Amino acid sequence: MAKTVSPQKIKHDQDRVIYLWENVAQGDTCEPANAYAFDDPTLYMFGTVGTTPIVIALYVTPEVITTPTLFSPCTSSGVAISLDTANTNKVVDQCGEAFKPVASAGDGMSDVDIYLVIR
């Protein structure tokens, strides 16, 4: 059953902020995490991706509001981010006000944790 996954801020100091979206599965909706004070993001995915892998993309917005609606896909080295293998990461080309992972595909057997580290 699809659910909404809120980001947990697991670390925040002067050098970085780390967000975690925990137990993300096929069809889940990840809420955005604010990133306004930092500009060097890296996306990580750990867990079980399933036989037909879940695919995690990352989206960013420049909107400075509580509930942003304008998101565009992030890239890494000019290629759209699409994590579909566990224990992988991508350095993100863009910076912005907020980021949100977007889960697609999968066979219902996926259960991944998504980390966003921004320095």
Protein backbone atom coordinates (compact mmCIF):
# COMPACT_ATOMS: atom_id res chain seq x y z
CA MET A 1 0.00 0.00 0.00
CA ALA A 2 1.46 3.34 -1.07
CA LYS A 3 2.29 5.86 1.63
CA THR A 4 3.72 9.34 2.07
CA VAL A 5 7.28 9.36 3.39
CA SER A 6 8.51 12.44 5.24
CA PRO A 7 12.21 13.30 5.33
CA GLN A 8 13.96 12.93 8.68
CA LYS A 9 16.71 15.44 9.33
CA ILE A 10 19.30 13.14 10.91
CA LYS A 11 22.16 15.65 11.01
CA HIS A 12 22.42 19.40 10.67
CA ASP A 13 25.47 21.49 11.50
CA GLN A 14 27.38 24.35 9.88
CA ASP A 15 28.98 21.99 7.32
CA ARG A 16 26.13 19.81 6.13
CA VAL A 17 22.59 18.56 6.46
CA ILE A 18 21.61 14.91 6.04
CA TYR A 19 18.05 13.84 5.26
CA LEU A 20 16.68 10.29 5.31
CA TRP A 21 13.53 8.99 3.63
CA GLU A 22 13.14 5.58 5.26
CA ASN A 23 11.47 2.41 3.94
CA VAL A 24 10.49 3.81 0.54
CA ALA A 25 8.64 1.31 -1.66
CA GLN A 26 7.01 1.26 -5.08
CA GLY A 27 4.26 3.88 -5.35
CA ASP A 28 5.29 5.85 -2.27
CA THR A 29 5.36 9.65 -2.34
CA CYS A 30 8.37 11.35 -0.76
CA GLU A 31 7.83 14.80 0.70
CA PRO A 32 10.43 17.50 -0.10
CA ALA A 33 13.32 18.45 2.18
CA ASN A 34 14.63 22.01 2.47
CA ALA A 35 18.16 22.61 1.25
CA TYR A 36 18.37 26.39 1.04
CA ALA A 37 21.60 26.91 3.02
CA PHE A 38 23.71 24.32 1.19
CA ASP A 39 24.65 23.73 -2.44
CA ASP A 40 26.61 20.48 -2.87
CA PRO A 41 24.11 17.55 -2.76
CA THR A 42 24.75 13.82 -3.10
CA LEU A 43 21.94 11.22 -3.28
CA TYR A 44 22.36 7.71 -1.82
CA MET A 45 20.15 4.60 -1.95
CA PHE A 46 20.47 1.52 0.28
CA GLY A 47 18.23 -1.51 0.82
CA THR A 48 16.31 -4.05 -1.24
CA VAL A 49 15.45 -3.01 -4.80
CA GLY A 50 13.46 -6.13 -5.80
CA THR A 51 13.65 -8.37 -8.88
CA THR A 52 12.20 -5.60 -11.01
CA PRO A 53 14.12 -2.76 -9.39
CA ILE A 54 12.59 0.33 -7.90
CA VAL A 55 13.96 3.44 -9.61
CA ILE A 56 14.72 6.56 -7.58
CA ALA A 57 14.97 9.94 -9.31
CA LEU A 58 15.63 13.25 -7.57
CA TYR A 59 13.74 16.48 -8.23
CA VAL A 60 14.55 20.05 -7.18
CA THR A 61 12.60 23.29 -6.85
CA PRO A 62 13.58 26.96 -6.63
CA GLU A 63 10.27 27.85 -4.91
CA VAL A 64 10.60 29.53 -1.52
CA ILE A 65 7.27 28.43 -0.05
CA THR A 66 6.01 25.87 2.46
CA THR A 67 4.48 23.55 -0.14
CA PRO A 68 6.39 23.82 -3.43
CA THR A 69 4.74 22.55 -6.61
CA LEU A 70 7.29 23.31 -9.35
CA PHE A 71 9.89 20.54 -9.50
CA SER A 72 12.33 19.57 -12.24
CA PRO A 73 14.52 16.45 -12.53
CA CYS A 74 18.09 16.57 -11.26
CA THR A 75 21.11 15.37 -13.21
CA SER A 76 24.54 13.99 -12.39
CA SER A 77 27.25 14.86 -14.93
CA GLY A 78 24.46 16.01 -17.26
CA VAL A 79 22.52 12.71 -17.14
CA ALA A 80 19.16 12.35 -15.37
CA ILE A 81 19.54 10.71 -11.97
CA SER A 82 18.02 7.23 -11.92
CA LEU A 83 19.20 5.00 -9.06
CA ASP A 84 18.09 1.39 -9.50
CA THR A 85 20.87 -0.52 -7.73
CA ALA A 86 21.20 -0.76 -3.95
CA ASN A 87 24.19 0.84 -2.24
CA THR A 88 24.78 3.47 -4.91
CA ASN A 89 25.07 7.23 -5.03
CA LYS A 90 25.14 10.15 -7.43
CA VAL A 91 26.55 13.64 -7.06
CA VAL A 92 23.81 16.10 -8.02
CA ASP A 93 24.52 18.91 -10.51
CA GLN A 94 21.77 21.23 -9.27
CA CYS A 95 21.18 23.16 -6.09
CA GLY A 96 17.85 24.60 -5.03
CA GLU A 97 15.42 25.42 -2.26
CA ALA A 98 14.14 21.86 -1.76
CA PHE A 99 14.69 18.32 -3.08
CA LYS A 100 12.42 15.29 -3.20
CA PRO A 101 13.07 11.71 -4.33
CA VAL A 102 10.56 10.18 -6.72
CA ALA A 103 10.07 6.40 -6.68
CA SER A 104 8.88 4.55 -9.78
CA ALA A 105 8.89 1.05 -11.27
CA GLY A 106 9.55 -1.90 -8.98
CA ASP A 107 7.77 -5.16 -8.32
CA GLY A 108 6.36 -4.43 -4.87
CA MET A 109 9.33 -6.12 -3.19
CA SER A 110 11.41 -2.97 -2.85
CA ASP A 111 12.27 -1.36 0.49
CA VAL A 112 14.95 1.30 0.26
CA ASP A 113 16.36 4.06 2.41
CA ILE A 114 17.24 7.26 0.58
CA TYR A 115 19.78 9.70 1.96
CA LEU A 116 20.46 13.20 0.73
CA VAL A 117 23.69 14.73 2.02
CA ILE A 118 24.10 18.42 1.26
CA ARG A 119 27.27 20.36 2.09
